[in-house]
Amino acid sequence: MASPPERIRLGDLLLQQGLLTEEQIKLALAEQKRNGRKLGRIFVDSGYVTEEMIGKALARQLKCDYVNLRTFNPDVNLIKLLPEVPARRFRALVLGERNGILRIGFADPTDIVAYDEVSRIVRREIEQAVIVESQLMPLLDRIYRRTEEISGLAKELTQEMGNVPVEFGTVVGLAPGAEDAPVVKLLQTIFEEAQKTRASDIHVEPQEKSLLIRFRIDGVLHIQTEADSKIATALVLRLKLMSNLDISEKRLPQDGRFNIKLRGQAVDVRISTMPNQYGESVVMRLLAQNTGLLELDRLSMPPHVLERFRRAISRPSGIVLVTGPTGSGKTTTLYAALNELNSPEMKIITVEDPVEYRLPGINQVQVHEKIDLSFSRVLRSALRQDPDIILVGEMRDEDTAEIGMRAAMTGHMVLSTLHTNDALSTPIRLLDMGVPSYMVALSIHMVLAQRLVRVICQNCSAPHELEPHEREWLRYEVGDQVDSKDYKHGTGCAHCSNTGYQGRQAVYEFLEMTNALVAAANQGDPHEFIRLGREQMAGNTLRRDAVRLVLEGRTTVSEAMRISNQLEE
């Protein structure tokens, strides 16, 4: 058996290796006395050192390896020799095996108790390595997927129900303080797994012989589990109770929302139910409430787009429209713009359906169609509130669009969205909705269109040999430059759930209303408007921005082609 770790005074070690000064250690010790936090965390939070610097220093002292988990490709079956609970408790991870000896990474390699307990659990001889906690926890979230637990809870609920239909009284009894009920535990586990996998939506879909539960991750649906169709009614009724929907109404679609807490994080859940031939389909959108708002600088906009967008939203009046399909990141862009514009000198009112994120210092109004609190009605009232900036969640109809245009022409900055395919078709769409051409011409300053493309997982990124059809498609975009570039793709690993992608990035195009475009729009001449717009946007389209990410090795050709296909549709 390998010898257990020795106790090391972290401050002395970092001082000895020249990473800290005596003054920094004194300040950190004083801080530790005040709040009781770990000394290493204080060193990192104070900016004296990074977690990686501490990990490498410990590895040098203990004469063992330091493993960077960002580039580590784990063997999932080997990792599960150490169950999830002790792995999280002792902050440890099985890294590999050699000659019957398990190599295990510890976030604190000086913790003798953790070493002994892990040795006892795995019942093998171990050798230690040093890993970083901030890299470990997200990896554990991805590896210890709870798919089997979800399937087990679904079977438990099926057995409990038997062949007896779910009754109203039974489900109502679950509402208060029934945390141990199978339906409650199943839903809790589903939500926690969705949070771990960064899912934006949960789909609960009854089929003829099964209940299908799917997660939308990075814009793509993945099957999470399939369960017995008998539990569908119990799940839907429980979700309706949580969101205060009418549980007796199964014939009509319903919308609602509720709040839950997942691993200390408040999550707002928007729910939509819709009857189908086998029951009721449910889709839930997850919105983390304590996620910090993005800043414009962090949206990965190309510099020339960011400069023009900033200039457009900083004007005292006019309209800036952000367009794209559902789920293309329009709301994120608008909130980032509001976050930058928000100041004590500005009166900002938003009209939204629904209010997705709470913004301090801003007046946000939730549209409620059932009581005739529509976009147009709220917008008329908002103009009497003396605003400087108005955000309209969506220009859904002629009335809302026309009021927004009038507001822009009378000294207000208006930000809004529109569901159009690209930037160029947006003013034409407004004309088709019946908005007078002079309003479109005089009020719109800029249209920003965007899409989200999946980004290659950096942990399994590898060279990619272009397929013939990919090469020809790229050659059409960049000419002979296609042969002088190196291309990447993700091979799939535990970090990205074997998809080859992790995260998404927006691609953009913009249309600025020049004098010539204003004149064409004012004359109501769509053909001339489109011709001039294409001349202005040459080389700065959504497709070309997606190709840029391909050439930079950020995304794949297939993702860029997917964006292109959406535009052609």
Protein backbone atom coordinates (compact mmCIF):
# COMPACT_ATOMS: atom_id res chain seq x y z
CA MET A 1 0.00 0.00 0.00
CA ALA A 2 1.35 3.45 -0.92
CA SER A 3 2.22 5.72 1.99
CA PRO A 4 -0.46 8.22 3.00
CA PRO A 5 0.05 11.94 2.38
CA GLU A 6 1.98 14.15 4.74
CA ARG A 7 0.54 17.25 6.36
CA ILE A 8 1.80 20.45 4.75
CA ARG A 9 1.31 24.04 5.84
CA LEU A 10 0.06 25.62 2.63
CA GLY A 11 1.29 29.12 3.43
CA ASP A 12 4.82 27.90 4.19
CA LEU A 13 4.87 25.81 1.02
CA LEU A 14 3.82 28.72 -1.23
CA LEU A 15 6.26 31.03 0.52
CA GLN A 16 9.06 28.50 0.09
CA GLN A 17 8.35 28.19 -3.63
CA GLY A 18 8.25 31.96 -4.08
CA LEU A 19 4.55 32.17 -4.93
CA LEU A 20 3.56 34.29 -1.92
CA THR A 21 5.15 36.94 0.28
CA GLU A 22 5.10 36.97 4.07
CA GLU A 23 2.89 40.07 3.98
CA GLN A 24 0.30 38.30 1.80
CA ILE A 25 0.26 35.32 4.18
CA LYS A 26 -0.28 37.62 7.18
CA LEU A 27 -3.18 39.36 5.47
CA ALA A 28 -4.74 36.02 4.51
CA LEU A 29 -4.38 34.64 8.06
CA ALA A 30 -6.08 37.76 9.44
CA GLU A 31 -8.90 37.28 6.93
CA GLN A 32 -9.20 33.63 7.97
CA LYS A 33 -9.62 34.63 11.61
CA ARG A 34 -12.45 36.97 10.66
CA ASN A 35 -14.51 34.60 8.50
CA GLY A 36 -13.13 31.09 9.06
CA ARG A 37 -12.70 30.34 5.36
CA LYS A 38 -10.04 27.97 4.07
CA LEU A 39 -6.65 29.59 3.62
CA GLY A 40 -6.21 28.34 0.06
CA ARG A 41 -9.56 29.85 -0.98
CA ILE A 42 -8.53 33.19 0.54
CA PHE A 43 -5.24 33.12 -1.40
CA VAL A 44 -7.15 32.52 -4.66
CA ASP A 45 -9.98 35.01 -4.03
CA SER A 46 -7.46 37.69 -3.07
CA GLY A 47 -5.73 37.23 -6.41
CA TYR A 48 -2.39 36.20 -4.91
CA VAL A 49 -2.29 32.84 -6.73
CA THR A 50 -4.52 30.67 -8.89
CA GLU A 51 -5.89 27.23 -8.03
CA GLU A 52 -3.63 25.76 -10.70
CA MET A 53 -0.56 27.38 -9.12
CA ILE A 54 -1.46 25.88 -5.72
CA GLY A 55 -2.11 22.45 -7.28
CA LYS A 56 1.22 22.40 -9.10
CA ALA A 57 3.06 23.56 -5.96
CA LEU A 58 1.52 20.71 -3.94
CA ALA A 59 2.39 18.22 -6.68
CA ARG A 60 6.02 19.34 -6.68
CA GLN A 61 6.22 19.06 -2.90
CA LEU A 62 4.59 15.60 -2.80
CA LYS A 63 6.51 14.40 -5.88
CA CYS A 64 3.33 13.32 -7.68
CA ASP A 65 1.49 14.34 -10.85
CA TYR A 66 -0.69 17.38 -11.36
CA VAL A 67 -3.59 16.60 -13.71
CA ASN A 68 -5.44 19.30 -15.64
CA LEU A 69 -9.03 18.04 -15.80
CA ARG A 70 -9.88 20.44 -18.62
CA THR A 71 -7.82 18.30 -20.99
CA PHE A 72 -8.37 14.97 -19.21
CA ASN A 73 -10.51 12.40 -21.00
CA PRO A 74 -11.93 10.16 -18.25
CA ASP A 75 -12.84 6.49 -18.38
CA VAL A 76 -16.39 6.66 -16.99
CA ASN A 77 -16.52 2.98 -15.99
CA LEU A 78 -13.24 3.30 -14.07
CA ILE A 79 -14.33 6.53 -12.40
CA LYS A 80 -17.47 4.90 -11.01
CA LEU A 81 -15.32 2.56 -8.87
CA LEU A 82 -15.61 5.50 -6.47
CA PRO A 83 -19.34 6.26 -5.93
CA GLU A 84 -20.67 9.79 -6.31
CA VAL A 85 -21.22 10.59 -2.61
CA PRO A 86 -17.64 9.86 -1.43
CA ALA A 87 -16.24 11.39 -4.63
CA ARG A 88 -17.95 14.68 -3.78
CA ARG A 89 -17.31 14.42 -0.04
CA PHE A 90 -13.58 13.76 -0.37
CA ARG A 91 -13.20 15.75 -3.62
CA ALA A 92 -11.55 12.81 -5.37
CA LEU A 93 -11.61 11.27 -8.84
CA VAL A 94 -10.29 7.99 -10.24
CA LEU A 95 -7.91 9.03 -13.02
CA GLY A 96 -6.55 5.71 -14.26
CA GLU A 97 -5.14 2.30 -13.50
CA ARG A 98 -1.65 0.87 -13.93
CA ASN A 99 -0.37 -2.53 -12.79
CA GLY A 100 -3.40 -2.98 -10.54
CA ILE A 101 -2.84 0.39 -8.81
CA LEU A 102 -5.53 3.06 -9.05
CA ARG A 103 -4.33 6.61 -9.64
CA ILE A 104 -6.72 8.93 -7.80
CA GLY A 105 -6.73 12.71 -7.97
CA PHE A 106 -7.41 14.67 -4.77
CA ALA A 107 -8.30 18.35 -4.58
CA ASP A 108 -6.61 18.32 -1.14
CA PRO A 109 -3.77 15.77 -1.34
CA THR A 110 -2.80 16.50 2.28
CA ASP A 111 -6.15 15.26 3.65
CA ILE A 112 -5.16 11.98 5.37
CA VAL A 113 -8.77 11.11 6.24
CA ALA A 114 -9.85 11.43 2.60
CA TYR A 115 -6.92 9.25 1.50
CA ASP A 116 -7.74 6.51 4.01
CA GLU A 117 -11.49 6.53 3.30
CA VAL A 118 -11.06 6.41 -0.46
CA SER A 119 -8.56 3.54 -0.10
CA ARG A 120 -11.07 1.64 2.03
CA ILE A 121 -13.94 2.22 -0.44
CA VAL A 122 -12.12 1.17 -3.61
CA ARG A 123 -10.28 -1.68 -1.82
CA ARG A 124 -7.26 -1.23 -4.03
CA GLU A 125 -3.78 0.14 -3.69
CA ILE A 126 -3.83 3.77 -4.74
CA GLU A 127 -1.38 6.46 -5.74
CA GLN A 128 -2.40 10.07 -5.51
CA ALA A 129 -2.31 12.94 -7.95
CA VAL A 130 -3.31 16.57 -7.52
CA ILE A 131 -6.40 18.06 -9.18
CA VAL A 132 -8.24 21.37 -8.86
CA GLU A 133 -11.66 21.53 -7.18
CA SER A 134 -13.13 24.10 -9.58
CA GLN A 135 -12.42 21.70 -12.46
CA LEU A 136 -13.52 18.61 -10.51
CA MET A 137 -17.09 19.54 -9.56
CA PRO A 138 -18.42 20.27 -13.09
CA LEU A 139 -16.83 17.01 -14.27
CA LEU A 140 -18.53 15.06 -11.48
CA ASP A 141 -21.85 16.64 -12.50
CA ARG A 142 -21.41 15.34 -16.03
CA ILE A 143 -20.08 11.89 -15.13
CA TYR A 144 -22.50 10.88 -12.40
CA ARG A 145 -25.55 11.27 -14.59
CA ARG A 146 -28.76 10.28 -12.83
CA THR A 147 -30.39 8.55 -15.78
CA GLU A 148 -30.52 5.20 -13.97
CA GLU A 149 -31.94 6.83 -10.85
CA ILE A 150 -34.64 8.56 -12.89
CA SER A 151 -35.56 5.26 -14.56
CA GLY A 152 -35.63 3.55 -11.14
CA LEU A 153 -37.91 6.19 -9.63
CA ALA A 154 -40.19 5.99 -12.67
CA LYS A 155 -40.48 2.21 -12.18
CA GLU A 156 -41.16 2.73 -8.46
CA LEU A 157 -43.96 5.16 -9.30
CA THR A 158 -45.36 2.71 -11.86
CA GLN A 159 -45.43 -0.10 -9.28
CA GLU A 160 -47.08 2.13 -6.69
CA MET A 161 -49.83 3.13 -9.10
CA GLY A 162 -50.44 -0.36 -10.49
CA ASN A 163 -53.36 -0.31 -12.90
CA VAL A 164 -55.43 2.16 -10.87
CA PRO A 165 -56.06 5.52 -12.59
CA VAL A 166 -54.69 8.59 -10.82
CA GLU A 167 -57.37 10.36 -8.83
CA PHE A 168 -57.60 14.05 -8.07
CA GLY A 169 -57.60 13.53 -4.30
CA THR A 170 -54.51 11.34 -4.40
CA VAL A 171 -52.46 13.95 -6.22
CA VAL A 172 -53.69 16.82 -4.08
CA GLY A 173 -52.45 14.88 -1.08
CA LEU A 174 -48.97 15.05 -2.57
CA ALA A 175 -48.87 18.83 -2.67
CA PRO A 176 -47.88 19.74 0.89
CA GLY A 177 -44.98 17.95 2.61
CA ALA A 178 -44.84 14.73 0.63
CA GLU A 179 -41.17 14.86 -0.32
CA ASP A 180 -40.82 11.08 -0.12
CA ALA A 181 -43.61 10.36 -2.60
CA PRO A 182 -42.20 8.71 -5.77
CA VAL A 183 -43.70 11.36 -8.07
CA VAL A 184 -42.05 14.14 -6.05
CA LYS A 185 -38.68 12.40 -5.91
CA LEU A 186 -38.86 11.66 -9.63
CA LEU A 187 -39.55 15.28 -10.55
CA GLN A 188 -36.85 16.55 -8.18
CA THR A 189 -34.31 14.20 -9.74
CA ILE A 190 -35.34 15.19 -13.26
CA PHE A 191 -34.88 18.88 -12.46
CA GLU A 192 -31.52 18.30 -10.78
CA GLU A 193 -30.27 16.27 -13.73
CA ALA A 194 -31.45 18.98 -16.13
CA GLN A 195 -29.50 21.56 -14.17
CA LYS A 196 -26.37 19.38 -14.16
CA THR A 197 -26.47 18.88 -17.93
CA ARG A 198 -27.12 22.60 -18.63
CA ALA A 199 -30.49 21.76 -20.20
CA SER A 200 -32.58 24.78 -21.19
CA ASP A 201 -35.85 22.82 -21.55
CA ILE A 202 -37.46 19.64 -20.25
CA HIS A 203 -39.95 17.86 -22.53
CA VAL A 204 -42.44 15.38 -21.00
CA GLU A 205 -44.19 13.62 -23.88
CA PRO A 206 -46.72 10.77 -23.48
CA GLN A 207 -46.56 8.22 -26.28
CA GLU A 208 -48.83 5.26 -27.02
CA LYS A 209 -46.89 2.79 -24.85
CA SER A 210 -44.35 4.93 -23.02
CA LEU A 211 -43.59 8.32 -21.49
CA LEU A 212 -40.66 10.06 -23.18
CA ILE A 213 -38.59 12.58 -21.18
CA ARG A 214 -36.14 14.64 -23.22
CA PHE A 215 -33.71 17.49 -22.40
CA ARG A 216 -32.75 20.26 -24.79
CA ILE A 217 -29.00 20.80 -24.37
CA ASP A 218 -27.18 23.38 -26.51
CA GLY A 219 -30.28 23.65 -28.70
CA VAL A 220 -30.55 19.90 -29.45
CA LEU A 221 -33.00 17.45 -27.86
CA HIS A 222 -31.57 14.35 -26.13
CA ILE A 223 -33.60 11.44 -24.76
CA GLN A 224 -33.15 11.28 -21.00
CA THR A 225 -35.35 8.30 -20.19
CA GLU A 226 -38.41 6.34 -21.29
CA ALA A 227 -40.92 5.24 -18.65
CA ASP A 228 -44.25 3.47 -18.45
CA SER A 229 -47.01 5.62 -19.93
CA LYS A 230 -49.13 5.03 -16.78
CA ILE A 231 -47.09 7.60 -14.80
CA ALA A 232 -47.71 10.42 -17.30
CA THR A 233 -50.95 11.56 -15.66
CA ALA A 234 -49.38 11.69 -12.19
CA LEU A 235 -46.44 13.78 -13.43
CA VAL A 236 -48.64 16.22 -15.35
CA LEU A 237 -51.05 16.68 -12.45
CA ARG A 238 -48.21 17.29 -10.03
CA LEU A 239 -46.67 19.88 -12.37
CA LYS A 240 -50.04 21.59 -12.80
CA LEU A 241 -50.43 21.84 -9.04
CA MET A 242 -46.97 23.35 -8.70
CA SER A 243 -47.80 26.01 -11.30
CA ASN A 244 -51.38 26.72 -10.16
CA LEU A 245 -52.96 25.51 -13.40
CA ASP A 246 -56.46 24.06 -13.74
CA ILE A 247 -55.95 20.33 -13.17
CA SER A 248 -59.49 19.53 -14.33
CA GLU A 249 -58.88 21.06 -17.77
CA LYS A 250 -57.21 18.57 -20.09
CA ARG A 251 -58.67 19.70 -23.42
CA LEU A 252 -57.03 23.11 -23.73
CA PRO A 253 -53.37 24.29 -23.62
CA GLN A 254 -52.30 26.09 -20.44
CA ASP A 255 -49.30 28.22 -19.48
CA GLY A 256 -47.87 28.91 -16.05
CA ARG A 257 -44.71 29.18 -13.99
CA PHE A 258 -43.28 28.20 -10.63
CA ASN A 259 -40.03 28.54 -8.70
CA ILE A 260 -37.85 25.77 -7.34
CA LYS A 261 -34.49 25.59 -5.61
CA LEU A 262 -31.88 23.25 -7.05
CA ARG A 263 -28.64 22.75 -5.16
CA GLY A 264 -28.87 26.18 -3.60
CA GLN A 265 -29.79 27.96 -6.84
CA ALA A 266 -33.18 29.58 -7.44
CA VAL A 267 -34.66 28.48 -10.77
CA ASP A 268 -37.74 29.96 -12.44
CA VAL A 269 -39.66 27.35 -14.47
CA ARG A 270 -42.02 28.35 -17.29
CA ILE A 271 -44.44 25.57 -18.12
CA SER A 272 -46.63 24.97 -21.15
CA THR A 273 -49.11 22.09 -21.44
CA MET A 274 -50.76 20.92 -24.65
CA PRO A 275 -53.20 18.05 -25.19
CA ASN A 276 -52.11 15.34 -27.61
CA GLN A 277 -53.60 12.00 -28.64
CA TYR A 278 -52.12 10.13 -25.66
CA GLY A 279 -52.53 12.70 -22.88
CA GLU A 280 -50.90 16.06 -22.25
CA SER A 281 -47.46 17.08 -23.46
CA VAL A 282 -45.50 19.37 -21.10
CA VAL A 283 -42.54 21.61 -21.94
CA MET A 284 -40.67 23.45 -19.19
CA ARG A 285 -38.11 26.25 -19.74
CA LEU A 286 -35.53 26.58 -16.94
CA LEU A 287 -34.30 30.07 -16.06
CA ALA A 288 -31.67 30.40 -13.34
CA GLN A 289 -32.47 33.57 -11.39
CA ASN A 290 -29.07 34.20 -9.81
CA THR A 291 -27.15 33.94 -13.07
CA GLY A 292 -25.29 37.18 -13.63
CA LEU A 293 -26.38 39.23 -16.61
CA LEU A 294 -24.04 39.12 -19.53
CA GLU A 295 -22.22 42.22 -20.62
CA LEU A 296 -22.06 43.18 -24.27
CA ASP A 297 -18.31 42.61 -24.28
CA ARG A 298 -18.89 38.97 -23.35
CA LEU A 299 -21.37 38.16 -26.12
CA SER A 300 -18.55 37.31 -28.57
CA MET A 301 -19.78 39.87 -31.09
CA PRO A 302 -17.22 40.67 -33.80
CA PRO A 303 -15.69 44.09 -33.01
CA HIS A 304 -17.27 45.85 -36.01
CA VAL A 305 -20.75 44.54 -35.01
CA LEU A 306 -20.30 45.45 -31.34
CA GLU A 307 -19.20 48.99 -32.20
CA ARG A 308 -22.21 49.67 -34.41
CA PHE A 309 -24.66 48.00 -32.00
CA ARG A 310 -23.37 50.12 -29.10
CA ARG A 311 -23.65 53.25 -31.20
CA ALA A 312 -27.23 52.39 -32.20
CA ILE A 313 -28.54 51.69 -28.67
CA SER A 314 -26.84 54.81 -27.31
CA ARG A 315 -28.91 57.17 -29.46
CA PRO A 316 -31.60 59.20 -27.69
CA SER A 317 -34.41 57.91 -29.93
CA GLY A 318 -35.22 55.38 -32.60
CA ILE A 319 -35.68 51.60 -32.77
CA VAL A 320 -33.11 48.81 -32.61
CA LEU A 321 -34.53 45.39 -33.49
CA VAL A 322 -32.97 42.02 -32.66
CA THR A 323 -34.33 39.23 -34.82
CA GLY A 324 -34.12 35.47 -35.10
CA PRO A 325 -36.14 32.33 -34.35
CA THR A 326 -37.15 31.17 -30.88
CA GLY A 327 -34.09 30.14 -28.87
CA SER A 328 -31.58 32.20 -30.86
CA GLY A 329 -30.43 34.33 -27.90
CA LYS A 330 -32.37 37.51 -28.70
CA THR A 331 -33.42 38.05 -25.07
CA THR A 332 -29.85 37.61 -23.83
CA THR A 333 -28.64 40.28 -26.27
CA LEU A 334 -31.38 42.73 -25.28
CA TYR A 335 -30.79 42.21 -21.55
CA ALA A 336 -27.07 42.78 -22.06
CA ALA A 337 -27.94 46.04 -23.86
CA LEU A 338 -30.26 47.11 -21.02
CA ASN A 339 -27.60 46.18 -18.49
CA GLU A 340 -25.22 48.59 -20.22
CA LEU A 341 -27.80 51.38 -20.60
CA ASN A 342 -29.16 51.09 -17.05
CA SER A 343 -28.22 54.10 -14.92
CA PRO A 344 -29.93 56.34 -12.33
CA GLU A 345 -30.40 59.01 -15.02
CA MET A 346 -32.47 56.73 -17.24
CA LYS A 347 -36.10 55.70 -16.84
CA ILE A 348 -36.38 52.24 -18.41
CA ILE A 349 -39.64 50.31 -18.84
CA THR A 350 -39.92 46.80 -20.27
CA VAL A 351 -43.07 45.13 -21.60
CA GLU A 352 -42.50 41.37 -21.64
CA ASP A 353 -44.26 38.03 -21.93
CA PRO A 354 -42.94 36.62 -19.71
CA VAL A 355 -40.49 38.59 -17.58
CA GLU A 356 -37.53 36.21 -17.81
CA TYR A 357 -34.99 37.95 -15.58
CA ARG A 358 -35.38 40.52 -12.86
CA LEU A 359 -33.37 43.69 -13.48
CA PRO A 360 -32.73 46.04 -10.54
CA GLY A 361 -33.63 49.67 -11.17
CA ILE A 362 -35.85 48.86 -14.17
CA ASN A 363 -39.66 48.86 -14.35
CA GLN A 364 -40.71 45.51 -15.80
CA VAL A 365 -44.30 44.76 -16.79
CA GLN A 366 -45.68 41.26 -17.42
CA VAL A 367 -48.22 41.03 -20.27
CA HIS A 368 -51.40 39.18 -19.29
CA GLU A 369 -53.68 38.54 -22.27
CA LYS A 370 -56.45 36.92 -20.18
CA ILE A 371 -57.21 40.23 -18.51
CA ASP A 372 -56.60 42.21 -21.71
CA LEU A 373 -53.21 43.44 -20.51
CA SER A 374 -51.71 43.20 -23.99
CA PHE A 375 -48.45 44.54 -25.42
CA SER A 376 -50.19 47.46 -27.09
CA ARG A 377 -52.20 48.40 -23.99
CA VAL A 378 -49.18 48.30 -21.67
CA LEU A 379 -47.11 50.17 -24.24
CA ARG A 380 -49.65 53.01 -24.41
CA SER A 381 -49.57 53.32 -20.61
CA ALA A 382 -45.77 53.09 -20.55
CA LEU A 383 -45.50 56.14 -22.79
CA ARG A 384 -47.37 58.15 -20.13
CA GLN A 385 -44.74 57.13 -17.55
CA ASP A 386 -42.09 59.44 -19.07
CA PRO A 387 -39.59 56.72 -20.08
CA ASP A 388 -36.25 57.26 -21.79
CA ILE A 389 -35.87 53.67 -22.96
CA ILE A 390 -38.59 51.10 -23.67
CA LEU A 391 -38.07 47.40 -24.28
CA VAL A 392 -40.92 45.64 -26.07
CA GLY A 393 -40.52 41.88 -25.68
CA GLU A 394 -41.88 41.22 -29.17
CA MET A 395 -43.63 43.16 -31.93
CA ARG A 396 -46.36 40.60 -32.47
CA ASP A 397 -48.94 42.65 -34.34
CA GLU A 398 -49.50 45.84 -36.30
CA ASP A 399 -50.88 47.75 -33.31
CA THR A 400 -47.86 47.03 -31.09
CA ALA A 401 -45.40 47.74 -33.91
CA GLU A 402 -47.07 51.04 -34.80
CA ILE A 403 -47.12 52.27 -31.18
CA GLY A 404 -43.43 51.33 -30.85
CA MET A 405 -42.61 53.22 -34.05
CA ARG A 406 -44.48 56.31 -32.86
CA ALA A 407 -42.64 56.16 -29.55
CA ALA A 408 -39.32 56.03 -31.39
CA MET A 409 -40.31 59.04 -33.51
CA THR A 410 -41.28 61.08 -30.43
CA GLY A 411 -37.98 60.92 -28.55
CA HIS A 412 -37.78 57.43 -27.04
CA MET A 413 -35.21 54.69 -27.59
CA VAL A 414 -37.11 51.45 -28.28
CA LEU A 415 -35.55 47.99 -28.18
CA SER A 416 -37.55 45.02 -29.43
CA THR A 417 -37.51 41.66 -31.18
CA LEU A 418 -39.16 40.27 -34.27
CA HIS A 419 -39.33 36.70 -35.57
CA THR A 420 -37.76 37.01 -39.02
CA ASN A 421 -35.23 34.89 -40.87
CA ASP A 422 -32.57 37.54 -41.33
CA ALA A 423 -31.88 41.26 -40.92
CA LEU A 424 -32.81 42.24 -44.46
CA SER A 425 -36.34 40.81 -44.34
CA THR A 426 -37.23 42.60 -41.08
CA PRO A 427 -38.28 46.04 -42.46
CA ILE A 428 -40.19 44.23 -45.25
CA ARG A 429 -42.00 42.16 -42.62
CA LEU A 430 -43.09 45.32 -40.80
CA LEU A 431 -44.43 46.76 -44.05
CA ASP A 432 -46.34 43.50 -44.63
CA MET A 433 -47.84 43.80 -41.13
CA GLY A 434 -49.39 47.11 -42.21
CA VAL A 435 -47.02 49.57 -40.53
CA PRO A 436 -46.84 52.77 -42.65
CA SER A 437 -43.66 52.92 -44.75
CA TYR A 438 -42.65 56.35 -43.45
CA MET A 439 -42.64 55.00 -39.87
CA VAL A 440 -40.40 52.08 -40.83
CA ALA A 441 -38.06 54.40 -42.72
CA LEU A 442 -37.75 57.07 -40.03
CA SER A 443 -37.74 55.06 -36.80
CA ILE A 444 -35.49 52.02 -37.39
CA HIS A 445 -31.78 52.64 -36.83
CA MET A 446 -30.45 49.09 -36.88
CA VAL A 447 -31.58 45.49 -37.25
CA LEU A 448 -29.38 42.82 -35.65
CA ALA A 449 -30.07 39.22 -36.67
CA GLN A 450 -28.52 36.29 -34.81
CA ARG A 451 -28.37 32.51 -34.47
CA LEU A 452 -26.68 30.18 -31.98
CA VAL A 453 -24.14 27.62 -33.15
CA ARG A 454 -22.73 24.84 -31.00
CA VAL A 455 -19.07 25.19 -30.02
CA ILE A 456 -16.62 22.30 -30.28
CA CYS A 457 -15.77 20.72 -26.92
CA GLN A 458 -12.19 21.77 -26.13
CA ASN A 459 -11.54 18.58 -24.17
CA CYS A 460 -12.02 16.27 -27.18
CA SER A 461 -11.26 18.64 -30.06
CA ALA A 462 -9.38 16.84 -32.84
CA PRO A 463 -8.39 17.47 -36.48
CA HIS A 464 -11.17 16.88 -38.98
CA GLU A 465 -10.85 15.82 -42.60
CA LEU A 466 -13.53 17.59 -44.61
CA GLU A 467 -16.15 15.50 -46.37
CA PRO A 468 -16.46 16.25 -50.13
CA HIS A 469 -19.80 18.05 -49.68
CA GLU A 470 -18.39 20.10 -46.78
CA ARG A 471 -15.38 21.13 -48.86
CA GLU A 472 -17.55 22.24 -51.77
CA TRP A 473 -19.87 24.19 -49.48
CA LEU A 474 -16.92 25.99 -47.89
CA ARG A 475 -15.28 26.62 -51.25
CA TYR A 476 -18.40 28.50 -52.31
CA GLU A 477 -17.98 30.75 -49.23
CA VAL A 478 -14.19 31.29 -49.05
CA GLY A 479 -12.83 30.13 -52.40
CA ASP A 480 -9.39 28.53 -52.56
CA GLN A 481 -8.76 29.54 -48.94
CA VAL A 482 -10.57 26.32 -48.00
CA ASP A 483 -7.45 24.22 -48.67
CA SER A 484 -5.13 26.29 -46.49
CA LYS A 485 -7.01 25.88 -43.20
CA ASP A 486 -7.07 23.23 -40.48
CA TYR A 487 -10.50 22.06 -39.35
CA LYS A 488 -11.67 20.64 -36.02
CA HIS A 489 -14.44 18.49 -34.63
CA GLY A 490 -15.25 16.96 -31.24
CA THR A 491 -14.75 13.22 -30.91
CA GLY A 492 -17.03 13.03 -27.84
CA CYS A 493 -16.06 12.64 -24.19
CA ALA A 494 -17.49 12.74 -20.66
CA HIS A 495 -17.16 16.54 -20.57
CA CYS A 496 -19.64 16.96 -23.42
CA SER A 497 -21.81 13.85 -22.87
CA ASN A 498 -20.23 12.37 -26.02
CA THR A 499 -21.79 15.00 -28.29
CA GLY A 500 -18.52 16.65 -29.37
CA TYR A 501 -19.99 20.07 -28.51
CA GLN A 502 -20.05 22.08 -25.31
CA GLY A 503 -21.82 25.42 -25.12
CA ARG A 504 -23.03 27.75 -27.86
CA GLN A 505 -21.94 31.02 -29.40
CA ALA A 506 -23.95 33.55 -31.36
CA VAL A 507 -23.31 34.55 -34.94
CA TYR A 508 -24.55 37.91 -36.17
CA GLU A 509 -25.42 40.09 -39.11
CA PHE A 510 -26.67 43.66 -39.05
CA LEU A 511 -28.43 46.14 -41.29
CA GLU A 512 -28.03 49.87 -40.72
CA MET A 513 -30.63 52.18 -42.20
CA THR A 514 -28.57 54.38 -44.51
CA ASN A 515 -30.09 57.33 -46.40
CA ALA A 516 -30.53 55.19 -49.50
CA LEU A 517 -32.30 52.42 -47.54
CA VAL A 518 -34.50 54.99 -45.80
CA ALA A 519 -35.53 56.40 -49.18
CA ALA A 520 -36.31 52.92 -50.57
CA ALA A 521 -38.33 51.97 -47.48
CA ASN A 522 -40.21 55.28 -47.55
CA GLN A 523 -41.20 54.65 -51.17
CA GLY A 524 -42.42 51.17 -50.25
CA ASP A 525 -40.16 49.57 -52.88
CA PRO A 526 -39.13 46.16 -51.43
CA HIS A 527 -37.06 45.12 -54.49
CA GLU A 528 -34.87 48.22 -54.37
CA PHE A 529 -34.62 47.95 -50.61
CA ILE A 530 -33.42 44.33 -50.82
CA ARG A 531 -30.88 45.19 -53.56
CA LEU A 532 -29.36 48.03 -51.55
CA GLY A 533 -29.42 45.99 -48.37
CA ARG A 534 -27.51 43.13 -50.00
CA GLU A 535 -24.88 45.55 -51.23
CA GLN A 536 -24.43 46.92 -47.70
CA MET A 537 -24.28 43.48 -46.05
CA ALA A 538 -21.97 41.81 -48.57
CA GLY A 539 -19.50 39.65 -46.62
CA ASN A 540 -21.18 40.39 -43.28
CA THR A 541 -23.98 37.85 -43.23
CA LEU A 542 -24.99 35.21 -40.66
CA ARG A 543 -23.60 32.51 -42.91
CA ARG A 544 -20.25 34.27 -43.28
CA ASP A 545 -20.00 34.80 -39.51
CA ALA A 546 -20.61 31.06 -38.98
CA VAL A 547 -17.87 30.31 -41.53
CA ARG A 548 -15.54 32.58 -39.55
CA LEU A 549 -16.01 30.36 -36.50
CA VAL A 550 -15.27 27.28 -38.63
CA LEU A 551 -12.01 28.80 -39.89
CA GLU A 552 -11.06 29.72 -36.30
CA GLY A 553 -11.64 26.12 -35.17
CA ARG A 554 -14.52 27.09 -32.84
CA THR A 555 -17.28 25.14 -34.57
CA THR A 556 -17.75 22.51 -37.26
CA VAL A 557 -18.67 22.81 -40.91
CA SER A 558 -21.85 20.83 -40.24
CA GLU A 559 -22.97 23.45 -37.69
CA ALA A 560 -22.31 26.27 -40.15
CA MET A 561 -24.25 24.35 -42.80
CA ARG A 562 -27.14 23.89 -40.35
CA ILE A 563 -27.34 27.67 -39.92
CA SER A 564 -27.26 28.07 -43.69
CA ASN A 565 -30.13 25.61 -44.12
CA GLN A 566 -32.21 27.52 -41.56
CA LEU A 567 -31.70 30.73 -43.54
CA GLU A 568 -32.67 29.10 -46.82
CA GLU A 569 -35.88 27.77 -45.28
